[in-house]
Amino acid sequence: MKVLVTGYTGQLGYDVTYEGNKRGINMLGIGREDLDITNEADVYQYVQKVNPDAIIHCAAYTAVDKAEDDKETCWNVNVKGTKFIASAAKKVNAKFMYVSTDYVFDGKGEEPFKEVDKPDPVGYYGFTKYEGEKIVRDILDEHFIVRISWVFGINGHNFIKTMLRLSETRSELNVVGDQYGSPTYTFDLARLLIDMIQTERYGIYHASNEGFCTWAEFATEIFLQANRKVTVNSISTEEYPTRAVRPKNSRMSKQKLIDNGFEPLPMWQNALKHYLNELAQEVK
C-alpha cells in the first residue's frame, strides 16, 4: 500500500508518516515545499505521478486567530486545497481521509457532540474546515472524515510546550477554565488513522484521547507530571479575550469508533505521561 500524507511538517502529518513507515507501509509525507495544494494543476499532476492507494490529508491552515483577518489564505488552503486533493484522489481511485476539527461545532451545551450532530462553526477557521468536510462528501461517495481536538505532538508547537516554557520563568499562570475538551496526542492518533485507512469502514469519526478537561485542568496536570511548581489560576474565557471565538464545549462522543471496531485512544493523562517522556528523550 502506498499512502500520501499532506502536512508532513506538522505535528500529525509527521507522526502519521512515521507510524506507517514503522509498519512497513510505503509512506510519502509532503509539506509546503514539496507541493502547493492551492495550485490545482500542480496537485493533479503530482498525485497522478505518485498514484497513491490512499491519501491522508493533514495539511491545513490552523492559525485560529489569524484566520479571522487572513481569510483568503485560510480559505485557499482549507477549502480550495481540500477540493483539489480530494478531486485528485478520485481521479486515481485512492482512498481519502480528511482531518477535521472540533471547531466545526458551536460549542454550546455540555453534552459531547455526536458524529451526526449538525456543525455550526462560530469562527472562520471552523467555517473553512466544515466547508472542507462538505466538499469531501460531495466529491467522494466513500471517505473518512476524522474530527480531532487540542492536538499535541513532538513535531511543532502546542499547549504543553508553551506551558513548560512559561514554567521556566513563571510561578503562577492564568489559564482558561471554562472551555472543555479532550487533548489529542498525535502518536496515539496516528496509530488509529493508519489502522483506519487500511479498512473500508468509511464515514465521519471523532478521535481524541479519552476523558475531558479544561485548559486549566490540563495545565495543572502538565505541571504535576513534569514536577514544575506553578500555581494555575482558572479564569473565564471573557477574562482572556482572543481574536477568534473559542467553543466552550469541545467534548466529542467517540461512539462511532467503538461501533466500527476501532480501539479508543488512551486516557489523556496517560498520553501526557508518554509525551513528556518522549520530550525528555528529545532533549538527551
Protein backbone atom coordinates (compact mmCIF):
# COMPACT_ATOMS: atom_id res chain seq x y z
CA MET A 1 0.00 0.00 0.00
CA LYS A 2 1.26 3.47 -0.90
CA VAL A 3 -0.05 6.34 1.25
CA LEU A 4 0.40 10.05 0.50
CA VAL A 5 0.31 12.29 3.60
CA THR A 6 -0.11 16.05 3.25
CA GLY A 7 1.06 18.35 6.05
CA TYR A 8 4.10 16.20 6.81
CA THR A 9 5.88 19.11 8.54
CA GLY A 10 3.03 19.46 11.06
CA GLN A 11 2.50 17.54 14.30
CA LEU A 12 0.04 14.97 12.97
CA GLY A 13 1.38 14.50 9.43
CA TYR A 14 4.82 13.79 10.86
CA ASP A 15 3.59 11.09 13.25
CA VAL A 16 1.23 9.50 10.70
CA THR A 17 4.09 9.14 8.23
CA TYR A 18 6.39 7.76 10.92
CA GLU A 19 3.79 5.25 12.15
CA GLY A 20 3.06 3.96 8.63
CA ASN A 21 6.74 3.57 7.83
CA LYS A 22 7.22 1.67 11.10
CA ARG A 23 4.62 -0.84 9.91
CA GLY A 24 6.30 -1.30 6.53
CA ILE A 25 3.75 0.75 4.59
CA ASN A 26 5.10 2.86 1.73
CA MET A 27 4.51 6.36 3.15
CA LEU A 28 5.15 9.59 1.27
CA GLY A 29 4.94 12.63 3.54
CA ILE A 30 4.91 16.01 1.82
CA GLY A 31 4.98 19.61 3.05
CA ARG A 32 4.50 23.05 1.54
CA GLU A 33 7.95 22.99 -0.04
CA ASP A 34 7.03 19.79 -1.91
CA LEU A 35 3.59 20.79 -3.18
CA ASP A 36 1.40 23.90 -3.15
CA ILE A 37 -2.01 22.35 -2.51
CA THR A 38 -3.72 25.60 -3.57
CA ASN A 39 -2.45 25.13 -7.14
CA GLU A 40 -4.96 22.88 -8.90
CA ALA A 41 -2.78 21.89 -11.86
CA ASP A 42 0.20 21.10 -9.62
CA VAL A 43 -1.93 18.96 -7.30
CA TYR A 44 -3.41 16.87 -10.14
CA GLN A 45 -0.03 16.41 -11.77
CA TYR A 46 1.67 15.44 -8.50
CA VAL A 47 -1.00 12.99 -7.35
CA GLN A 48 -1.22 11.32 -10.77
CA LYS A 49 2.57 10.92 -10.83
CA VAL A 50 2.68 9.41 -7.31
CA ASN A 51 -0.52 7.37 -7.90
CA PRO A 52 -1.14 6.53 -4.21
CA ASP A 53 -3.57 3.91 -2.90
CA ALA A 54 -4.67 6.33 -0.20
CA ILE A 55 -4.31 9.99 0.80
CA ILE A 56 -4.38 11.22 4.40
CA HIS A 57 -4.98 14.96 4.19
CA CYS A 58 -3.47 16.53 7.33
CA ALA A 59 -2.40 19.84 5.76
CA ALA A 60 -4.43 22.81 6.98
CA TYR A 61 -4.36 26.48 7.89
CA THR A 62 -4.71 26.22 11.67
CA ALA A 63 -3.88 29.72 12.97
CA VAL A 64 -7.31 30.23 14.53
CA ASP A 65 -6.96 33.92 15.45
CA LYS A 66 -5.02 34.91 12.35
CA ALA A 67 -7.70 33.28 10.18
CA GLU A 68 -10.18 35.99 11.19
CA ASP A 69 -8.07 38.57 9.33
CA ASP A 70 -6.29 36.42 6.74
CA LYS A 71 -9.47 34.86 5.35
CA GLU A 72 -8.26 34.48 1.78
CA THR A 73 -5.26 32.32 2.70
CA CYS A 74 -7.30 30.28 5.17
CA TRP A 75 -10.00 29.64 2.51
CA ASN A 76 -7.46 28.77 -0.18
CA VAL A 77 -5.71 26.18 1.99
CA ASN A 78 -8.64 24.65 3.88
CA VAL A 79 -11.30 24.74 1.17
CA LYS A 80 -9.67 25.02 -2.25
CA GLY A 81 -6.70 22.85 -1.25
CA THR A 82 -9.02 20.17 0.10
CA LYS A 83 -11.12 20.31 -3.08
CA PHE A 84 -8.07 19.84 -5.30
CA ILE A 85 -6.62 16.99 -3.21
CA ALA A 86 -9.99 15.19 -2.94
CA SER A 87 -10.61 15.57 -6.68
CA ALA A 88 -7.15 14.21 -7.44
CA ALA A 89 -7.82 11.25 -5.10
CA LYS A 90 -10.97 10.48 -7.06
CA LYS A 91 -9.09 10.58 -10.37
CA VAL A 92 -6.55 7.98 -9.23
CA ASN A 93 -9.15 6.00 -7.25
CA ALA A 94 -7.33 6.49 -3.93
CA LYS A 95 -8.96 6.17 -0.51
CA PHE A 96 -9.28 9.61 1.10
CA MET A 97 -9.08 10.72 4.72
CA TYR A 98 -9.77 14.34 5.71
CA VAL A 99 -8.63 15.51 9.14
CA SER A 100 -11.17 17.96 10.56
CA THR A 101 -11.73 19.66 13.91
CA ASP A 102 -13.94 20.18 16.96
CA TYR A 103 -14.21 23.81 15.78
CA VAL A 104 -16.91 22.81 13.29
CA PHE A 105 -19.34 22.84 16.25
CA ASP A 106 -20.79 25.90 18.02
CA GLY A 107 -19.52 24.85 21.46
CA LYS A 108 -22.90 25.24 23.16
CA GLY A 109 -24.26 23.00 25.89
CA GLU A 110 -22.41 20.43 27.99
CA GLU A 111 -23.15 17.17 26.16
CA PRO A 112 -20.48 15.62 23.90
CA PHE A 113 -21.17 16.34 20.23
CA LYS A 114 -22.11 13.22 18.26
CA GLU A 115 -20.78 12.43 14.78
CA VAL A 116 -24.26 13.02 13.34
CA ASP A 117 -24.81 16.41 15.02
CA LYS A 118 -25.08 19.32 12.62
CA PRO A 119 -21.98 21.53 12.62
CA ASP A 120 -22.41 25.26 13.20
CA PRO A 121 -18.94 26.86 13.45
CA VAL A 122 -18.54 30.18 15.28
CA GLY A 123 -15.17 31.22 13.80
CA TYR A 124 -13.70 31.48 10.31
CA TYR A 125 -11.22 28.62 10.80
CA GLY A 126 -14.02 26.26 11.83
CA PHE A 127 -16.16 27.53 8.95
CA THR A 128 -13.47 26.67 6.38
CA LYS A 129 -12.88 23.22 7.91
CA TYR A 130 -16.62 22.48 7.70
CA GLU A 131 -16.68 23.69 4.09
CA GLY A 132 -13.83 21.24 3.50
CA GLU A 133 -15.91 18.43 5.01
CA LYS A 134 -18.82 19.25 2.70
CA ILE A 135 -16.56 19.27 -0.35
CA VAL A 136 -15.13 15.85 0.56
CA ARG A 137 -18.65 14.45 0.93
CA ASP A 138 -19.71 15.99 -2.41
CA ILE A 139 -16.71 14.71 -4.38
CA LEU A 140 -16.26 11.26 -2.87
CA ASP A 141 -19.01 8.77 -2.05
CA GLU A 142 -16.60 6.86 0.19
CA HIS A 143 -14.35 8.84 2.53
CA PHE A 144 -13.08 9.19 6.07
CA ILE A 145 -13.65 12.46 7.94
CA VAL A 146 -11.90 12.45 11.32
CA ARG A 147 -12.53 15.33 13.73
CA ILE A 148 -9.82 15.92 16.32
CA SER A 149 -9.16 18.43 19.13
CA TRP A 150 -6.44 20.03 21.27
CA VAL A 151 -3.57 18.41 19.37
CA PHE A 152 -0.07 17.86 20.73
CA GLY A 153 2.89 16.06 19.17
CA ILE A 154 6.66 16.02 19.09
CA ASN A 155 7.00 17.95 15.83
CA GLY A 156 5.75 21.52 16.26
CA HIS A 157 4.25 23.98 18.71
CA ASN A 158 1.49 23.11 21.16
CA PHE A 159 -0.07 23.97 24.52
CA ILE A 160 2.17 21.60 26.51
CA LYS A 161 5.40 23.04 25.11
CA THR A 162 4.09 26.58 25.80
CA MET A 163 3.22 25.71 29.43
CA LEU A 164 6.63 24.11 30.01
CA ARG A 165 8.39 27.12 28.51
CA LEU A 166 6.39 29.57 30.65
CA SER A 167 7.08 27.50 33.78
CA GLU A 168 10.77 28.26 33.43
CA THR A 169 10.20 31.92 34.30
CA ARG A 170 6.76 31.98 35.99
CA SER A 171 5.48 30.51 39.24
CA GLU A 172 1.86 31.48 38.60
CA LEU A 173 -0.26 31.39 35.44
CA ASN A 174 -3.82 32.31 34.50
CA VAL A 175 -5.38 29.65 32.26
CA VAL A 176 -8.91 29.44 30.86
CA GLY A 177 -11.05 27.11 32.95
CA ASP A 178 -14.47 27.16 31.26
CA GLN A 179 -13.60 25.57 27.90
CA TYR A 180 -13.95 21.77 27.96
CA GLY A 181 -12.45 19.27 25.53
CA SER A 182 -10.08 16.35 25.06
CA PRO A 183 -6.34 16.59 24.37
CA THR A 184 -5.20 14.52 21.37
CA TYR A 185 -1.71 13.00 21.25
CA THR A 186 -0.60 12.61 17.64
CA PHE A 187 1.36 9.44 18.49
CA ASP A 188 -1.89 7.73 19.58
CA LEU A 189 -3.99 9.28 16.83
CA ALA A 190 -1.51 8.27 14.10
CA ARG A 191 -1.87 4.60 15.05
CA LEU A 192 -5.66 4.87 14.77
CA LEU A 193 -5.54 6.65 11.39
CA ILE A 194 -3.18 4.05 9.93
CA ASP A 195 -5.47 1.28 11.23
CA MET A 196 -8.49 3.07 9.75
CA ILE A 197 -7.07 3.82 6.29
CA GLN A 198 -6.45 0.09 5.79
CA THR A 199 -10.18 -0.63 6.17
CA GLU A 200 -13.29 0.31 4.22
CA ARG A 201 -15.19 1.45 7.31
CA TYR A 202 -15.87 4.88 5.84
CA GLY A 203 -17.69 7.79 7.45
CA ILE A 204 -17.35 10.62 9.98
CA TYR A 205 -15.45 9.87 13.18
CA HIS A 206 -14.41 11.76 16.30
CA ALA A 207 -10.94 10.86 17.57
CA SER A 208 -9.20 12.25 20.64
CA ASN A 209 -7.75 10.80 23.80
CA GLU A 210 -10.31 9.60 26.34
CA GLY A 211 -11.58 11.85 29.12
CA PHE A 212 -12.48 15.56 29.26
CA CYS A 213 -10.80 18.52 30.96
CA THR A 214 -10.50 22.29 30.83
CA TRP A 215 -7.35 24.06 29.69
CA ALA A 216 -6.66 24.98 33.34
CA GLU A 217 -7.00 21.32 34.40
CA PHE A 218 -4.75 20.30 31.51
CA ALA A 219 -2.11 22.84 32.59
CA THR A 220 -2.32 21.69 36.23
CA GLU A 221 -1.72 18.07 35.18
CA ILE A 222 1.20 19.10 32.93
CA PHE A 223 2.96 20.82 35.84
CA LEU A 224 2.17 17.95 38.22
CA GLN A 225 3.62 15.31 35.88
CA ALA A 226 6.60 17.47 34.91
CA ASN A 227 7.37 18.34 38.56
CA ARG A 228 7.08 22.06 37.98
CA LYS A 229 5.93 24.21 40.88
CA VAL A 230 3.45 26.51 39.16
CA THR A 231 0.14 27.76 40.53
CA VAL A 232 -2.63 27.65 37.91
CA ASN A 233 -5.44 30.19 38.33
CA SER A 234 -8.58 29.16 36.49
CA ILE A 235 -10.07 32.16 34.66
CA SER A 236 -13.09 32.67 32.38
CA THR A 237 -12.99 32.92 28.60
CA GLU A 238 -14.12 36.53 28.96
CA GLU A 239 -11.04 37.30 31.06
CA TYR A 240 -8.78 36.09 28.25
CA PRO A 241 -10.15 37.71 25.06
CA THR A 242 -8.90 36.39 21.72
CA ARG A 243 -9.49 37.49 18.13
CA ALA A 244 -11.46 34.33 17.34
CA VAL A 245 -14.29 32.94 19.46
CA ARG A 246 -13.37 29.61 21.09
CA PRO A 247 -16.04 26.95 21.62
CA LYS A 248 -16.66 26.43 25.35
CA ASN A 249 -17.79 22.86 24.76
CA SER A 250 -15.44 20.81 22.59
CA ARG A 251 -16.46 17.49 24.12
CA MET A 252 -16.96 14.91 21.36
CA SER A 253 -18.53 11.47 21.50
CA LYS A 254 -16.28 8.74 20.09
CA GLN A 255 -19.04 6.12 19.98
CA LYS A 256 -18.64 5.55 16.25
CA LEU A 257 -15.05 4.38 16.74
CA ILE A 258 -16.28 1.69 19.14
CA ASP A 259 -19.25 0.76 16.94
CA ASN A 260 -16.90 0.18 13.99
CA GLY A 261 -14.41 -1.95 15.91
CA PHE A 262 -11.67 0.63 16.43
CA GLU A 263 -9.91 0.84 19.78
CA PRO A 264 -10.41 4.13 21.66
CA LEU A 265 -7.27 6.14 22.38
CA PRO A 266 -5.72 6.02 25.89
CA MET A 267 -6.82 8.42 28.64
CA TRP A 268 -5.40 11.89 28.09
CA GLN A 269 -3.40 11.77 31.35
CA ASN A 270 -1.61 8.61 30.12
CA ALA A 271 -1.00 10.24 26.75
CA LEU A 272 0.53 13.25 28.52
CA LYS A 273 2.85 10.97 30.51
CA HIS A 274 4.02 9.24 27.34
CA TYR A 275 4.52 12.58 25.60
CA LEU A 276 6.58 14.10 28.44
CA ASN A 277 8.82 11.01 28.30
CA GLU A 278 9.13 11.48 24.55
CA LEU A 279 10.09 15.13 25.06
CA ALA A 280 12.70 14.13 27.64
CA GLN A 281 14.26 11.70 25.13
CA GLU A 282 14.47 14.52 22.56
CA VAL A 283 16.45 16.68 24.99
CA LYS A 284 19.07 13.96 25.65
